[in-house]
Amino acid sequence: MSDEGLKALSARVVRVAPNQYGCTARMRQPKTWYMRALVLSGPYGAWEAGSRSAAELMEAAAHWERSAALCDAPVVKAEKVH
Protein backbone atom coordinates (compact mmCIF):
# COMPACT_ATOMS: atom_id res chain seq x y z
CA MET A 1 0.00 0.00 0.00
CA SER A 2 1.23 3.50 -0.75
CA ASP A 3 1.95 6.20 1.81
CA GLU A 4 -1.14 8.15 0.75
CA GLY A 5 -3.17 4.94 0.93
CA LEU A 6 -1.99 4.31 4.49
CA LYS A 7 -2.90 7.87 5.50
CA ALA A 8 -6.39 7.45 4.03
CA LEU A 9 -6.84 4.01 5.60
CA SER A 10 -5.75 5.15 9.06
CA ALA A 11 -8.16 8.13 8.87
CA ARG A 12 -11.03 5.75 7.99
CA VAL A 13 -10.11 3.33 10.78
CA VAL A 14 -10.15 6.11 13.39
CA ARG A 15 -13.48 7.36 12.06
CA VAL A 16 -15.12 3.91 11.99
CA ALA A 17 -13.65 2.35 15.16
CA PRO A 18 -12.20 5.11 17.36
CA ASN A 19 -12.35 3.03 20.53
CA GLN A 20 -10.87 -0.22 19.20
CA TYR A 21 -8.44 -1.68 21.72
CA GLY A 22 -5.82 -4.36 21.40
CA CYS A 23 -4.59 -6.32 24.37
CA THR A 24 -1.30 -7.90 25.22
CA ALA A 25 -0.18 -9.67 28.37
CA ARG A 26 0.93 -6.39 29.92
CA MET A 27 -1.52 -3.77 28.66
CA ARG A 28 -4.68 -2.68 26.92
CA GLN A 29 -3.90 -0.14 24.19
CA PRO A 30 -6.06 1.94 21.83
CA LYS A 31 -4.85 0.53 18.50
CA THR A 32 -6.68 2.94 16.17
CA TRP A 33 -5.11 6.10 17.64
CA TYR A 34 -1.72 4.42 17.76
CA MET A 35 -2.01 3.39 14.10
CA ARG A 36 -2.99 6.89 12.97
CA ALA A 37 -0.16 8.48 14.96
CA LEU A 38 2.37 6.03 13.54
CA VAL A 39 1.29 6.63 9.94
CA LEU A 40 1.23 10.42 10.31
CA SER A 41 4.60 10.50 12.07
CA GLY A 42 6.37 9.33 8.95
CA PRO A 43 8.59 6.51 7.83
CA TYR A 44 9.64 3.70 10.11
CA GLY A 45 11.25 1.65 7.37
CA ALA A 46 8.16 -0.50 6.87
CA TRP A 47 6.96 1.55 3.91
CA GLU A 48 8.23 4.31 1.67
CA ALA A 49 6.82 7.52 3.12
CA GLY A 50 6.99 11.04 1.82
CA SER A 51 7.59 14.16 3.85
CA ARG A 52 5.01 15.29 6.40
CA SER A 53 3.37 18.68 6.70
CA ALA A 54 3.34 20.60 9.97
CA ALA A 55 -0.40 19.88 10.23
CA GLU A 56 0.19 16.12 9.86
CA LEU A 57 2.90 16.15 12.52
CA MET A 58 0.67 18.16 14.87
CA GLU A 59 -2.17 15.68 14.31
CA ALA A 60 0.24 12.79 14.92
CA ALA A 61 1.32 14.36 18.22
CA ALA A 62 -2.32 14.70 19.30
CA HIS A 63 -2.95 11.03 18.45
CA TRP A 64 0.18 9.90 20.36
CA GLU A 65 -1.08 11.82 23.38
CA ARG A 66 -4.57 10.37 23.09
CA SER A 67 -3.17 6.87 22.68
CA ALA A 68 -1.02 7.30 25.79
CA ALA A 69 -3.91 8.76 27.79
CA LEU A 70 -6.17 5.82 26.94
CA CYS A 71 -3.55 3.12 27.53
CA ASP A 72 -3.78 1.37 30.89
CA ALA A 73 -0.04 0.63 31.29
CA PRO A 74 1.86 3.43 33.12
CA VAL A 75 5.19 2.55 31.49
CA VAL A 76 3.64 2.82 28.02
CA LYS A 77 2.11 6.18 28.90
CA ALA A 78 5.55 7.42 29.89
CA GLU A 79 7.13 6.12 26.66
CA LYS A 80 4.58 7.80 24.38
CA VAL A 81 4.36 11.22 25.97
CA HIS A 82 7.23 13.31 24.60
C-alpha atoms as a PDB file:
ATOM      1  CA  MET A   1       0.000   0.000   0.000  1.00  0.00           C
ATOM      2  CA  SER A   2       1.234   3.504  -0.745  1.00  0.00           C
ATOM      3  CA  ASP A   3       1.955   6.197   1.814  1.00  0.00           C
ATOM      4  CA  GLU A   4      -1.143   8.151   0.746  1.00  0.00           C
ATOM      5  CA  GLY A   5      -3.168   4.940   0.928  1.00  0.00           C
ATOM      6  CA  LEU A   6      -1.994   4.306   4.493  1.00  0.00           C
ATOM      7  CA  LYS A   7      -2.900   7.866   5.500  1.00  0.00           C
ATOM      8  CA  ALA A   8      -6.388   7.454   4.034  1.00  0.00           C
ATOM      9  CA  LEU A   9      -6.842   4.014   5.601  1.00  0.00           C
ATOM     10  CA  SER A  10      -5.751   5.151   9.063  1.00  0.00           C
ATOM     11  CA  ALA A  11      -8.160   8.125   8.872  1.00  0.00           C
ATOM     12  CA  ARG A  12     -11.030   5.754   7.990  1.00  0.00           C
ATOM     13  CA  VAL A  13     -10.111   3.328  10.783  1.00  0.00           C
ATOM     14  CA  VAL A  14     -10.149   6.112  13.392  1.00  0.00           C
ATOM     15  CA  ARG A  15     -13.481   7.364  12.063  1.00  0.00           C
ATOM     16  CA  VAL A  16     -15.119   3.912  11.986  1.00  0.00           C
ATOM     17  CA  ALA A  17     -13.647   2.349  15.155  1.00  0.00           C
ATOM     18  CA  PRO A  18     -12.196   5.110  17.364  1.00  0.00           C
ATOM     19  CA  ASN A  19     -12.353   3.030  20.526  1.00  0.00           C
ATOM     20  CA  GLN A  20     -10.866  -0.220  19.198  1.00  0.00           C
ATOM     21  CA  TYR A  21      -8.444  -1.682  21.721  1.00  0.00           C
ATOM     22  CA  GLY A  22      -5.823  -4.358  21.396  1.00  0.00           C
ATOM     23  CA  CYS A  23      -4.588  -6.316  24.374  1.00  0.00           C
ATOM     24  CA  THR A  24      -1.299  -7.905  25.223  1.00  0.00           C
ATOM     25  CA  ALA A  25      -0.179  -9.670  28.371  1.00  0.00           C
ATOM     26  CA  ARG A  26       0.926  -6.387  29.924  1.00  0.00           C
ATOM     27  CA  MET A  27      -1.516  -3.767  28.665  1.00  0.00           C
ATOM     28  CA  ARG A  28      -4.683  -2.676  26.923  1.00  0.00           C
ATOM     29  CA  GLN A  29      -3.897  -0.138  24.195  1.00  0.00           C
ATOM     30  CA  PRO A  30      -6.065   1.940  21.825  1.00  0.00           C
ATOM     31  CA  LYS A  31      -4.854   0.527  18.499  1.00  0.00           C
ATOM     32  CA  THR A  32      -6.677   2.939  16.174  1.00  0.00           C
ATOM     33  CA  TRP A  33      -5.114   6.099  17.641  1.00  0.00           C
ATOM     34  CA  TYR A  34      -1.716   4.416  17.760  1.00  0.00           C
ATOM     35  CA  MET A  35      -2.006   3.389  14.097  1.00  0.00           C
ATOM     36  CA  ARG A  36      -2.991   6.890  12.970  1.00  0.00           C
ATOM     37  CA  ALA A  37      -0.161   8.480  14.962  1.00  0.00           C
ATOM     38  CA  LEU A  38       2.366   6.029  13.540  1.00  0.00           C
ATOM     39  CA  VAL A  39       1.289   6.635   9.939  1.00  0.00           C
ATOM     40  CA  LEU A  40       1.227  10.419  10.311  1.00  0.00           C
ATOM     41  CA  SER A  41       4.601  10.503  12.068  1.00  0.00           C
ATOM     42  CA  GLY A  42       6.365   9.330   8.954  1.00  0.00           C
ATOM     43  CA  PRO A  43       8.586   6.509   7.831  1.00  0.00           C
ATOM     44  CA  TYR A  44       9.636   3.695  10.111  1.00  0.00           C
ATOM     45  CA  GLY A  45      11.245   1.655   7.370  1.00  0.00           C
ATOM     46  CA  ALA A  46       8.163  -0.501   6.866  1.00  0.00           C
ATOM     47  CA  TRP A  47       6.960   1.553   3.907  1.00  0.00           C
ATOM     48  CA  GLU A  48       8.234   4.309   1.669  1.00  0.00           C
ATOM     49  CA  ALA A  49       6.819   7.522   3.119  1.00  0.00           C
ATOM     50  CA  GLY A  50       6.994  11.044   1.823  1.00  0.00           C
ATOM     51  CA  SER A  51       7.587  14.158   3.847  1.00  0.00           C
ATOM     52  CA  ARG A  52       5.012  15.292   6.397  1.00  0.00           C
ATOM     53  CA  SER A  53       3.370  18.684   6.698  1.00  0.00           C
ATOM     54  CA  ALA A  54       3.344  20.597   9.966  1.00  0.00           C
ATOM     55  CA  ALA A  55      -0.398  19.879  10.231  1.00  0.00           C
ATOM     56  CA  GLU A  56       0.187  16.122   9.859  1.00  0.00           C
ATOM     57  CA  LEU A  57       2.895  16.148  12.519  1.00  0.00           C
ATOM     58  CA  MET A  58       0.667  18.155  14.874  1.00  0.00           C
ATOM     59  CA  GLU A  59      -2.172  15.680  14.313  1.00  0.00           C
ATOM     60  CA  ALA A  60       0.243  12.787  14.918  1.00  0.00           C
ATOM     61  CA  ALA A  61       1.318  14.363  18.220  1.00  0.00           C
ATOM     62  CA  ALA A  62      -2.322  14.700  19.299  1.00  0.00           C
ATOM     63  CA  HIS A  63      -2.948  11.030  18.446  1.00  0.00           C
ATOM     64  CA  TRP A  64       0.181   9.905  20.355  1.00  0.00           C
ATOM     65  CA  GLU A  65      -1.076  11.823  23.383  1.00  0.00           C
ATOM     66  CA  ARG A  66      -4.574  10.373  23.086  1.00  0.00           C
ATOM     67  CA  SER A  67      -3.171   6.866  22.678  1.00  0.00           C
ATOM     68  CA  ALA A  68      -1.019   7.303  25.787  1.00  0.00           C
ATOM     69  CA  ALA A  69      -3.911   8.760  27.794  1.00  0.00           C
ATOM     70  CA  LEU A  70      -6.172   5.816  26.942  1.00  0.00           C
ATOM     71  CA  CYS A  71      -3.552   3.119  27.529  1.00  0.00           C
ATOM     72  CA  ASP A  72      -3.777   1.372  30.890  1.00  0.00           C
ATOM     73  CA  ALA A  73      -0.039   0.631  31.285  1.00  0.00           C
ATOM     74  CA  PRO A  74       1.856   3.429  33.115  1.00  0.00           C
ATOM     75  CA  VAL A  75       5.189   2.550  31.487  1.00  0.00           C
ATOM     76  CA  VAL A  76       3.639   2.824  28.015  1.00  0.00           C
ATOM     77  CA  LYS A  77       2.110   6.177  28.899  1.00  0.00           C
ATOM     78  CA  ALA A  78       5.554   7.424  29.894  1.00  0.00           C
ATOM     79  CA  GLU A  79       7.130   6.119  26.664  1.00  0.00           C
ATOM     80  CA  LYS A  80       4.580   7.796  24.383  1.00  0.00           C
ATOM     81  CA  VAL A  81       4.359  11.220  25.970  1.00  0.00           C
ATOM     82  CA  HIS A  82       7.227  13.310  24.597  1.00  0.00           C
END
